Protein backbone atom coordinates (compact mmCIF):
# COMPACT_ATOMS: atom_id res chain seq x y z
CA MET A 1 -22.78 47.40 -41.60
CA ASP A 2 -20.19 49.28 -43.77
CA LYS A 3 -17.21 48.28 -42.06
CA GLY A 4 -17.30 44.44 -42.89
CA ILE A 5 -18.85 42.67 -39.55
CA ASN A 6 -21.78 43.80 -37.13
CA SER A 7 -20.16 44.49 -33.64
CA ALA A 8 -22.80 43.22 -31.93
CA GLU A 9 -22.22 39.50 -33.88
CA PHE A 10 -18.61 40.19 -33.24
CA LEU A 11 -18.97 40.62 -29.39
CA ALA A 12 -21.23 37.63 -29.41
CA LEU A 13 -18.72 35.47 -30.74
CA LEU A 14 -16.04 36.38 -28.65
CA ASP A 15 -18.10 35.76 -25.43
CA PHE A 16 -19.22 32.52 -26.79
CA TYR A 17 -15.39 31.13 -27.66
CA GLU A 18 -14.15 32.57 -24.32
CA LYS A 19 -16.94 30.95 -22.00
CA GLU A 20 -17.25 27.33 -24.08
CA LYS A 21 -13.86 26.85 -25.39
CA GLY A 22 -11.57 28.63 -22.88
CA ILE A 23 -9.87 30.86 -25.00
CA SER A 24 -9.12 34.52 -23.94
CA ARG A 25 -10.75 37.72 -25.78
CA GLU A 26 -6.98 38.98 -26.64
CA ALA A 27 -5.75 35.82 -28.25
CA LEU A 28 -9.51 35.57 -29.98
CA THR A 29 -9.21 39.22 -31.06
CA GLU A 30 -5.43 38.50 -32.62
CA ALA A 31 -6.78 35.34 -34.59
CA ILE A 32 -9.74 37.49 -35.97
CA ASN A 33 -7.55 40.85 -36.84
CA GLU A 34 -5.03 37.66 -38.70
CA SER A 35 -7.85 36.14 -40.29
CA ILE A 36 -9.42 39.56 -41.46
CA LEU A 37 -5.98 40.31 -42.61
CA ALA A 38 -5.54 37.87 -44.83
CA ALA A 39 -9.12 38.28 -46.02
CA ALA A 40 -8.47 41.97 -46.66
CA LYS A 41 -5.48 41.31 -48.72
CA LYS A 42 -7.58 38.77 -50.98
CA ALA A 43 -9.72 41.68 -51.40
CA VAL A 44 -7.91 44.88 -51.61
CA GLY A 45 -5.04 42.96 -53.49
CA ALA A 46 -1.50 42.20 -52.82
CA SER A 47 0.14 45.55 -50.88
CA ARG A 48 3.57 46.26 -49.75
CA ASP A 49 2.24 46.32 -46.23
CA LEU A 50 -1.46 45.82 -45.01
CA ARG A 51 -2.64 46.07 -41.24
CA VAL A 52 -5.99 45.72 -39.71
CA GLU A 53 -7.28 46.93 -36.37
CA THR A 54 -10.65 45.64 -34.59
CA ASP A 55 -11.97 47.38 -31.67
CA PRO A 56 -13.00 44.98 -29.17
CA LYS A 57 -15.67 46.84 -27.73
CA SER A 58 -17.41 48.33 -31.27
CA GLY A 59 -16.51 45.19 -33.45
CA GLU A 60 -15.60 48.01 -35.85
CA ILE A 61 -12.57 46.79 -38.10
CA ARG A 62 -10.36 48.85 -40.41
CA ALA A 63 -7.72 47.99 -42.89
CA PHE A 64 -4.62 50.28 -43.56
CA ALA A 65 -2.02 49.97 -46.37
CA ARG A 66 1.33 51.62 -45.82
CA LEU A 67 2.27 53.31 -48.90
CA LEU A 68 5.57 55.07 -50.48
CA VAL A 69 5.04 58.56 -51.33
CA VAL A 70 6.30 59.32 -54.79
CA ASP A 71 6.10 62.16 -57.46
CA ARG A 72 5.04 59.36 -60.14
CA VAL A 73 3.04 56.30 -59.39
CA GLN A 74 4.02 53.57 -61.18
CA ASN A 75 2.73 50.87 -58.62
CA GLU A 76 -0.97 51.82 -57.25
CA GLN A 77 -0.55 49.05 -54.86
CA ASP A 78 2.49 49.95 -52.75
CA GLU A 79 2.92 53.55 -54.23
CA ILE A 80 0.77 56.99 -53.60
CA SER A 81 1.40 60.61 -55.34
CA ARG A 82 2.73 63.36 -53.33
CA PHE A 83 -0.47 65.25 -54.05
CA ASP A 84 -2.79 62.61 -52.81
CA ALA A 85 -0.52 62.11 -49.81
CA MET A 86 -0.90 65.69 -48.51
CA LYS A 87 -4.32 65.03 -47.76
CA PHE A 88 -3.49 62.80 -45.04
CA LYS A 89 -0.19 64.47 -44.23
CA GLU A 90 0.58 68.60 -45.25
CA ASP A 91 4.03 67.76 -45.28
CA ALA A 92 4.44 64.83 -47.09
CA LYS A 93 7.32 64.66 -49.45
CA ALA A 94 8.64 62.00 -51.94
CA GLY A 95 10.39 59.04 -49.94
CA ASP A 96 7.80 59.36 -46.78
CA GLU A 97 5.53 56.44 -45.69
CA ILE A 98 1.96 56.84 -45.16
CA GLU A 99 -0.61 54.64 -43.83
CA LYS A 100 -4.28 54.76 -45.78
CA GLU A 101 -7.29 53.37 -44.72
CA VAL A 102 -8.39 50.78 -47.18
CA THR A 103 -11.26 49.04 -45.51
CA PRO A 104 -13.42 47.74 -48.26
CA ALA A 105 -17.09 48.54 -48.64
CA GLY A 106 -17.67 44.68 -48.08
CA PHE A 107 -15.45 41.97 -47.87
CA GLY A 108 -17.51 40.06 -49.99
CA ARG A 109 -18.55 36.37 -50.56
CA ILE A 110 -14.80 35.10 -51.00
CA ALA A 111 -13.04 36.86 -48.57
CA ALA A 112 -15.58 36.60 -45.57
CA GLN A 113 -15.32 32.57 -46.20
CA TYR A 114 -11.40 32.96 -46.01
CA ALA A 115 -11.42 34.98 -42.87
CA ASN A 116 -14.25 32.27 -41.41
CA GLN A 117 -11.76 29.25 -42.38
CA ASN A 118 -8.61 31.11 -40.91
CA LEU A 119 -10.77 31.76 -37.78
CA LYS A 120 -11.83 28.10 -37.15
CA GLN A 121 -8.38 26.88 -37.56
CA TYR A 122 -6.90 29.08 -35.32
CA ILE A 123 -9.57 28.32 -32.84
CA ARG A 124 -8.66 24.53 -33.03
CA ARG A 125 -4.99 25.35 -32.86
CA ALA A 126 -5.87 27.03 -29.42
CA GLU A 127 -8.35 24.26 -28.21
CA LYS A 128 -5.49 21.58 -28.82
CA ALA A 129 -2.69 24.07 -27.00
CA LEU A 130 -5.10 24.37 -24.19
CA ILE A 131 -6.00 20.20 -23.83
CA PHE A 132 -1.90 19.94 -23.72
CA GLU A 133 -1.37 22.64 -20.92
CA GLU A 134 -4.35 21.04 -18.88
CA PHE A 135 -3.67 17.22 -19.07
CA LYS A 136 -0.15 17.27 -19.39
CA ASP A 137 -0.08 17.34 -16.02
CA ARG A 138 -3.33 14.89 -15.07
CA THR A 139 -1.81 11.80 -16.66
CA GLY A 140 -2.96 8.93 -14.59
CA ASP A 141 -6.25 10.58 -13.06
CA ILE A 142 -9.75 9.04 -13.53
CA VAL A 143 -11.98 11.24 -15.59
CA ARG A 144 -15.64 10.89 -16.39
CA GLY A 145 -16.80 11.51 -19.92
CA THR A 146 -19.93 10.86 -22.57
CA VAL A 147 -19.85 8.67 -25.55
CA ARG A 148 -20.19 10.74 -28.23
CA ARG A 149 -19.51 8.76 -31.53
CA PHE A 150 -17.27 6.07 -32.98
CA GLU A 151 -14.11 6.32 -35.27
CA ARG A 152 -13.77 2.96 -36.85
CA SER A 153 -13.25 0.84 -33.45
CA ASP A 154 -12.09 4.01 -31.54
CA VAL A 155 -14.61 5.85 -28.92
CA ILE A 156 -14.84 9.68 -28.98
CA ILE A 157 -15.56 10.52 -25.44
CA ASP A 158 -16.65 13.97 -24.60
CA LEU A 159 -15.43 15.44 -21.29
CA GLY A 160 -16.90 18.87 -21.46
CA ARG A 161 -14.63 21.44 -23.29
CA TYR A 162 -12.61 18.49 -24.73
CA GLU A 163 -13.11 15.20 -26.84
CA ALA A 164 -10.39 12.28 -25.57
CA LEU A 165 -10.13 8.96 -27.58
CA LEU A 166 -10.72 5.50 -25.98
CA PRO A 167 -8.65 3.40 -28.85
CA ASN A 168 -9.75 -0.33 -29.49
CA ARG A 169 -6.35 -1.55 -27.75
CA GLU A 170 -7.57 0.36 -24.51
CA ARG A 171 -11.15 -1.18 -24.41
CA VAL A 172 -12.29 -3.93 -22.39
CA PRO A 173 -13.35 -6.72 -25.07
CA ILE A 174 -16.65 -7.79 -23.19
CA GLU A 175 -17.95 -3.98 -23.00
CA GLU A 176 -20.19 -2.51 -25.61
CA TYR A 177 -21.14 0.95 -25.50
CA GLN A 178 -23.59 3.38 -26.43
CA PRO A 179 -23.83 6.69 -27.26
CA GLY A 180 -24.87 9.25 -24.44
CA GLU A 181 -23.57 6.38 -22.08
CA GLN A 182 -21.48 7.96 -18.98
CA LEU A 183 -18.45 6.41 -18.90
CA ARG A 184 -15.22 6.78 -16.16
CA CYS A 185 -11.65 6.20 -17.74
CA TYR A 186 -8.09 6.27 -17.00
CA VAL A 187 -6.08 8.86 -18.70
CA LYS A 188 -2.85 7.02 -19.83
CA ALA A 189 -1.36 9.71 -21.86
CA VAL A 190 -1.37 12.79 -23.67
CA GLU A 191 0.13 12.64 -27.34
CA GLU A 192 1.34 14.79 -29.62
CA THR A 193 0.09 13.96 -32.96
CA GLY A 194 0.24 15.07 -36.50
CA ARG A 195 -3.50 17.03 -36.01
CA GLY A 196 -2.15 17.84 -32.40
CA PRO A 197 -2.40 17.00 -29.03
CA GLU A 198 -4.60 14.08 -27.95
CA ILE A 199 -5.99 12.64 -24.70
CA ILE A 200 -5.71 9.05 -24.68
CA LEU A 201 -8.07 7.44 -22.66
CA SER A 202 -8.18 3.64 -21.19
CA ARG A 203 -10.28 1.28 -19.21
CA ALA A 204 -8.19 -2.13 -19.74
CA ASP A 205 -5.22 -0.81 -18.08
CA PRO A 206 -3.99 -2.32 -14.79
CA ASN A 207 -3.79 1.37 -13.47
CA PHE A 208 -7.21 1.95 -13.89
CA VAL A 209 -7.77 -0.68 -11.25
CA ILE A 210 -5.23 0.74 -9.03
CA LYS A 211 -6.55 4.04 -9.38
CA LEU A 212 -9.99 2.89 -8.72
CA PHE A 213 -9.08 1.28 -5.14
CA THR A 214 -6.93 4.41 -4.29
CA GLN A 215 -10.05 6.35 -4.95
CA GLU A 216 -12.25 4.02 -2.77
CA VAL A 217 -9.93 2.91 0.15
CA THR A 218 -8.82 5.42 2.47
CA GLU A 219 -6.06 3.16 3.64
CA ILE A 220 -4.27 3.21 0.15
CA ALA A 221 -4.63 6.71 -0.16
CA ASP A 222 -2.88 7.54 3.19
CA GLY A 223 -0.40 5.21 2.44
CA THR A 224 -1.17 2.66 5.29
CA VAL A 225 -1.75 -0.08 2.91
CA GLU A 226 0.48 -0.61 -0.36
CA ILE A 227 -0.45 -2.15 -3.72
CA ILE A 228 2.42 -4.42 -4.20
CA ALA A 229 1.61 -5.90 -7.80
CA VAL A 230 -1.57 -6.18 -10.12
CA ALA A 231 -2.14 -8.35 -12.82
CA ARG A 232 -5.04 -7.99 -15.03
CA GLU A 233 -6.98 -9.66 -17.70
CA PRO A 234 -9.87 -7.02 -18.98
CA GLY A 235 -13.16 -8.23 -18.41
CA TRP A 236 -12.24 -11.28 -16.69
CA ARG A 237 -10.27 -11.30 -13.52
CA THR A 238 -7.74 -9.25 -11.52
CA LYS A 239 -5.26 -10.27 -8.91
CA LEU A 240 -4.50 -7.73 -6.44
CA ALA A 241 -1.30 -8.13 -4.05
CA VAL A 242 -1.41 -5.84 -0.97
CA HIS A 243 0.79 -5.14 2.16
CA SER A 244 0.64 -2.91 4.98
CA ALA A 245 3.77 -2.06 7.13
CA ASP A 246 1.39 -1.79 10.17
CA SER A 247 0.94 -4.87 11.89
CA ARG A 248 -2.53 -3.43 13.06
CA VAL A 249 -4.11 -3.37 9.64
CA ASP A 250 -5.24 -5.95 7.87
CA PRO A 251 -4.68 -4.98 4.18
CA VAL A 252 -6.95 -7.16 2.54
CA GLY A 253 -9.92 -6.53 5.07
CA ALA A 254 -9.20 -3.18 4.32
CA CYS A 255 -9.56 -3.45 0.62
CA VAL A 256 -12.57 -5.79 1.03
CA GLY A 257 -14.40 -3.22 3.17
CA LEU A 258 -17.33 -3.91 5.82
CA ARG A 259 -19.71 -6.59 4.31
CA GLY A 260 -17.51 -6.20 1.11
CA GLN A 261 -18.90 -2.82 0.11
CA ARG A 262 -15.75 -1.18 -0.91
CA VAL A 263 -14.55 -4.13 -3.32
CA LYS A 264 -18.41 -4.44 -4.71
CA ASN A 265 -18.06 -0.73 -5.76
CA ILE A 266 -15.11 -1.42 -7.79
CA VAL A 267 -16.39 -4.49 -8.98
CA ARG A 268 -19.50 -2.95 -10.48
CA GLU A 269 -17.62 0.05 -11.90
CA LEU A 270 -15.60 -2.82 -14.05
CA ASN A 271 -18.98 -4.25 -15.30
CA ASN A 272 -18.55 -7.48 -12.43
CA GLU A 273 -14.87 -8.46 -13.26
CA LYS A 274 -13.79 -10.63 -10.73
CA VAL A 275 -11.09 -9.23 -8.35
CA ASP A 276 -8.86 -11.14 -5.89
CA ILE A 277 -7.40 -9.42 -3.06
CA ILE A 278 -3.81 -11.48 -2.09
CA HIS A 279 -0.98 -10.96 0.65
CA TRP A 280 2.03 -10.08 -0.46
CA SER A 281 5.00 -11.78 0.95
CA SER A 282 8.60 -11.30 0.50
CA ASP A 283 8.78 -15.07 1.02
CA ILE A 284 8.59 -16.41 -2.37
CA ASN A 285 6.98 -19.83 -0.91
CA THR A 286 4.28 -17.84 0.45
CA PHE A 287 3.69 -15.44 -1.96
CA VAL A 288 3.35 -18.11 -4.89
CA VAL A 289 0.93 -20.24 -2.53
CA GLU A 290 -1.36 -16.80 -2.10
CA ALA A 291 -0.77 -15.99 -5.82
CA LEU A 292 -2.54 -19.38 -6.49
CA LYS A 293 -5.44 -19.65 -4.27
CA PRO A 294 -8.17 -20.86 -4.03
CA ALA A 295 -6.16 -23.95 -5.22
CA GLU A 296 -4.45 -25.67 -2.52
CA ILE A 297 -0.71 -26.26 -2.90
CA GLN A 298 1.05 -29.45 -1.71
CA ARG A 299 4.57 -28.43 -2.32
CA LEU A 300 6.83 -26.48 -4.42
CA LYS A 301 10.49 -26.98 -6.05
CA ILE A 302 12.14 -23.87 -6.70
CA ASN A 303 14.73 -22.74 -9.00
CA GLU A 304 16.12 -19.39 -8.47
CA ALA A 305 18.50 -19.30 -10.90
CA ASN A 306 15.89 -19.24 -13.40
CA LYS A 307 13.31 -18.01 -11.57
CA ARG A 308 11.64 -20.94 -12.14
CA ILE A 309 8.54 -22.64 -9.77
CA GLN A 310 7.20 -26.05 -10.05
CA VAL A 311 4.14 -26.44 -8.09
CA PHE A 312 2.47 -29.59 -7.27
CA VAL A 313 -0.98 -30.30 -6.27
CA ASN A 314 -3.64 -32.80 -6.17
CA GLU A 315 -4.95 -34.04 -8.95
CA ASP A 316 -8.71 -32.87 -7.62
CA GLN A 317 -7.06 -29.22 -7.53
CA LEU A 318 -5.28 -29.48 -10.68
CA SER A 319 -8.21 -27.70 -12.81
CA LEU A 320 -8.54 -25.03 -9.91
CA ALA A 321 -4.76 -24.14 -9.83
CA ILE A 322 -4.52 -23.65 -13.75
CA GLY A 323 -7.97 -21.76 -13.94
CA LYS A 324 -10.18 -21.44 -16.93
CA ARG A 325 -8.46 -21.35 -20.14
CA GLY A 326 -5.01 -21.35 -17.76
CA GLN A 327 -6.20 -17.78 -16.24
CA ASN A 328 -5.31 -18.27 -12.81
CA ALA A 329 -2.07 -19.82 -13.73
CA ARG A 330 -1.32 -17.03 -16.35
CA LEU A 331 -2.42 -14.11 -13.76
CA ALA A 332 -0.43 -15.45 -10.65
CA GLN A 333 2.67 -15.99 -12.98
CA LYS A 334 2.38 -12.16 -13.75
CA LEU A 335 1.72 -11.06 -10.27
CA VAL A 336 4.87 -12.87 -8.90
CA GLY A 337 6.89 -12.22 -12.03
CA TRP A 338 8.15 -15.80 -12.08
CA HIS A 339 7.80 -18.86 -14.48
CA ILE A 340 5.05 -21.37 -12.80
CA ASP A 341 4.89 -24.87 -13.74
CA ILE A 342 1.85 -26.36 -12.33
CA GLU A 343 1.60 -30.30 -12.06
CA ALA A 344 -0.59 -33.21 -10.24
CA ASP A 345 1.15 -34.57 -7.50
CA LYS A 346 2.04 -38.47 -7.97
CA VAL A 347 -0.13 -40.07 -4.85
CA GLU A 348 0.71 -43.94 -5.00
CA VAL A 349 -2.78 -45.92 -5.17
CA VAL A 350 -3.21 -49.20 -3.60
CA SER A 351 -5.18 -51.56 -5.84
CA PHE A 352 -8.08 -53.80 -4.99
CA ASP A 353 -5.95 -57.00 -4.95
CA ASP A 354 -3.25 -55.31 -2.72
CA GLN A 355 -5.85 -54.22 -0.08
CA VAL A 356 -7.25 -57.85 -0.03
CA ALA A 357 -3.85 -59.41 0.50
CA SER A 358 -3.01 -56.78 3.46
CA ALA A 359 -6.35 -57.71 5.03
CA VAL A 360 -5.73 -61.36 4.65
CA ALA A 361 -2.42 -60.96 6.06
CA ALA A 362 -3.69 -59.12 9.14
CA MET A 363 -6.10 -62.08 9.65
CA THR A 364 -3.78 -64.94 9.44
CA ALA A 365 -1.79 -63.00 12.05
CA LEU A 366 -4.62 -64.36 14.62
CA PRO A 367 -3.80 -67.49 16.27
CA GLY A 368 -6.18 -70.30 14.88
CA ILE A 369 -6.57 -68.65 11.53
CA ASP A 370 -5.58 -70.16 8.20
CA ASP A 371 -4.97 -68.79 5.00
CA ALA A 372 -8.15 -70.18 3.82
CA LEU A 373 -10.13 -68.92 6.13
CA ALA A 374 -8.81 -65.42 6.35
CA GLN A 375 -9.64 -65.20 2.39
CA THR A 376 -13.18 -66.42 3.74
CA LEU A 377 -13.64 -63.90 6.15
CA VAL A 378 -12.54 -60.86 4.03
CA GLN A 379 -14.76 -61.85 0.93
CA SER A 380 -17.61 -61.83 3.82
CA GLY A 381 -16.92 -57.99 4.33
CA PHE A 382 -14.40 -58.49 7.70
CA HIS A 383 -11.62 -56.41 6.24
CA SER A 384 -9.72 -55.46 9.47
CA VAL A 385 -9.24 -57.39 12.81
CA ALA A 386 -11.11 -54.43 14.17
CA ASP A 387 -14.25 -55.23 11.93
CA LEU A 388 -13.96 -58.86 13.20
CA GLN A 389 -13.55 -57.68 16.91
CA GLN A 390 -17.19 -56.12 17.02
CA ALA A 391 -18.91 -59.64 15.42
CA GLU A 392 -20.40 -61.97 18.00
CA ALA A 393 -20.80 -65.63 17.57
CA ALA A 394 -24.51 -65.16 16.52
CA ASP A 395 -23.56 -63.23 13.51
CA LEU A 396 -20.90 -65.56 12.13
CA ALA A 397 -23.02 -68.38 12.41
CA GLU A 398 -25.42 -66.94 10.30
CA ILE A 399 -23.09 -66.48 7.37
CA PRO A 400 -23.13 -69.97 5.99
CA ASP A 401 -19.28 -69.70 5.15
CA LEU A 402 -18.05 -68.64 8.23
CA ALA A 403 -20.81 -70.62 10.57
CA PRO A 404 -18.30 -74.16 10.75
CA HIS A 405 -15.77 -71.91 11.90
CA ALA A 406 -17.34 -69.47 14.59
CA GLU A 407 -15.69 -71.42 17.54
CA THR A 408 -12.05 -71.29 15.76
CA ILE A 409 -12.81 -67.35 15.28
CA MET A 410 -14.34 -66.68 18.53
CA THR A 411 -11.30 -68.58 20.21
CA ALA A 412 -8.78 -66.50 18.08
CA LEU A 413 -10.52 -63.24 19.44
CA ALA A 414 -10.41 -64.38 22.76
CA SER A 415 -6.84 -65.20 22.76
CA LEU A 416 -6.27 -61.49 21.06
CA LYS A 417 -7.83 -59.87 24.23
CA ASP A 418 -5.84 -61.95 26.81
CA SER A 419 -2.59 -60.95 24.78
CA ALA A 420 -4.15 -57.55 25.01
CA SER A 421 -4.72 -57.65 28.76
CA ALA A 422 -1.56 -59.48 29.67
CA ASP A 423 0.10 -56.39 27.86
CA GLU A 424 -2.06 -54.03 29.85
CA GLU A 425 -1.04 -55.68 33.01
CA ASP A 426 2.77 -55.46 32.04
CA GLU A 427 2.24 -51.76 31.39
CA ALA A 428 0.42 -51.58 34.36
CA ASP A 429 3.24 -53.33 36.54
CA ALA A 430 5.97 -51.16 34.68
CA MET A 431 4.18 -47.97 35.71
CA GLU A 432 3.83 -49.02 39.35
CA ALA A 433 7.51 -50.15 39.28
CA THR A 434 8.65 -46.77 37.87
CA GLU A 435 6.42 -44.84 40.81
CA ALA A 436 8.15 -47.19 43.68
CA THR A 437 11.44 -46.15 42.20
CA ALA A 438 10.55 -42.51 42.29
CA GLU A 439 9.21 -42.78 45.89
CA GLU A 440 12.47 -44.30 47.02
CA GLU A 441 14.26 -41.82 45.66
CA ILE A 442 12.18 -38.88 47.11
CA ALA A 443 12.30 -40.68 50.25
CA ALA A 444 16.23 -41.10 50.01
CA GLU A 445 16.43 -37.49 49.59
CA PRO A 446 16.62 -35.97 53.12
CA GLU A 447 19.02 -38.79 54.05
CA ALA A 448 21.54 -37.66 51.28
CA ILE A 449 21.23 -33.94 52.36
CA GLU A 450 21.72 -34.97 56.20
CA GLN A 451 25.00 -36.80 54.92
CA ALA A 452 26.41 -33.82 53.01
CA GLU A 453 25.67 -31.60 56.05
CA THR A 454 27.74 -34.03 58.24
CA GLU A 455 30.34 -34.84 56.00
CA PRO A 456 31.64 -31.10 54.92
CA VAL A 457 35.36 -31.81 54.85
CA GLU A 458 35.18 -34.46 52.02
CA ALA A 459 32.84 -32.12 50.22
CA ALA A 460 35.19 -29.44 50.62
CA GLU A 461 38.35 -31.14 49.44
CA LYS A 462 36.74 -32.63 45.84
CA PRO A 463 37.28 -29.20 44.14
CA VAL A 464 40.76 -28.87 45.57
CA VAL A 465 42.13 -32.21 43.75
CA GLU A 466 40.61 -31.42 40.75
CA GLU A 467 42.22 -27.81 40.80
CA THR A 468 46.09 -29.71 41.26
CA GLU A 469 45.80 -32.09 38.70
CA PRO A 470 46.28 -30.05 35.80
CA GLU A 471 49.09 -28.02 38.20
CA ALA A 472 50.95 -31.32 38.27
CA GLU A 473 50.82 -32.40 34.56
CA SER A 474 51.91 -28.67 33.71
CA SER A 475 54.94 -29.08 35.64
CA GLY A 476 55.83 -32.12 34.49
CA GLU A 477 55.71 -34.35 37.61
CA THR A 478 54.30 -37.83 37.38
CA ALA A 479 50.87 -38.50 39.04
CA PRO A 480 51.24 -41.81 40.45
CA THR A 481 54.32 -40.76 42.98
CA GLU A 482 51.74 -38.22 44.21
CA THR A 483 48.53 -39.98 44.38
CA PRO A 484 49.19 -42.65 46.94
CA ASP A 485 51.21 -40.03 49.39
CA THR A 486 47.85 -37.81 48.96
CA ASP A 487 45.42 -40.62 49.93
CA ASP A 488 47.88 -41.85 52.89
CA GLU A 489 47.32 -38.14 54.04
CA SER A 490 43.70 -38.03 53.49
CA ASN A 491 43.38 -41.44 55.06
CA ALA A 492 45.26 -40.34 57.96
CA GLU A 493 43.27 -37.34 58.30
CA THR A 494 40.09 -39.09 58.43
CA GLU A 495 41.30 -41.89 61.12
CA THR A 496 42.51 -38.81 63.23
CA ALA A 497 38.84 -37.47 63.06
């Protein structure tokens, strides 16, 4: 083409960038004009003022130079003679400015390359501006992309129209990615760098797990269930504390789903990372016990001033409470927000000699059993009186050390049974006496009622006496002076009646 660019190619280029890159045709035309203007200046030469026009329909490009009309030309780049100017403008005179088309027959190899480079640079800037506009409000979303390539230990993810960066610090340590692999990532930030805006993705951020649960669990999405706290060691384990203000909703059950389907989908996305879902509680004691599950806690000692908790567990639960490489304790500490110290609860262990001495003492309490015989019984396998009561005389006779003392032992056991029977009889007598007393009280109740009905005067007089006593005291009169008079009057009234 004699005007510098093929119109069909130009229009095809505009369509490609508009559809694939999302850059408007007007912006592309302006960029092409700028790049061609720079190329024209390089091809035509330095000029006072140079303008380029591009027809977006036909693709025709023309360059115009603004020249000053003079009587005598001294600078051909910026000036034009009055005679030549009259070819473009009949009434041209010295001092006027006219535009003259200076489109070269061909830009040449260097000018074309220069225009191409400028165009590519503008398109890159336009793409980055579009990235910032589109993703500045998408921070916190989950996007799906394809692994394209690796730059050192960082991963470049193709999101379709744009590329995003998954830095090494945001990767899960145990995950390995392959080119072409599909990944879901969390949009952590859109940062302005020296190369323009950059989309930073993450798979190690705890918010990635929260967003997955929000998408999977409808109760979290509508606010019925709330995720209060989360602690994560990417690739290994995550602890999630959930709560619901609705007492009818089980927050843990809602997150787990029917037959664990909801949490299984999330674990699958996290490459089998272990996920613990616990109940959140405003009570720090309950919350710590939940956070350290599956370990069983014996007791807690809380220091609220320093936000420090001392946890005591049985020795067989110590390794479970601490976790592999201290993982369970670290995650519980992050979840609660307090420093947690885990110790084994000291349990008093009774030695074997003490157990033997206790058994011997129990045997010597039986009548007729001395210390030596008690030692023999314990050494023969009778560690308590209950064990000895289950034995019979024939069994004792078969034991060589106990055969000579079988009759003494049986006598002691019989005496124990007699004393037990006597105790039972005493208890039975006491119960019978109690029942008899209760029956007498029940039988006496009707007589007491009849007596109360036949003596209404006495029942009515008692509150009157109680009310007068404080009046006598308040008036300063002495109670002993009035008491005998009141009694005499009462007695007189009773006799008269």
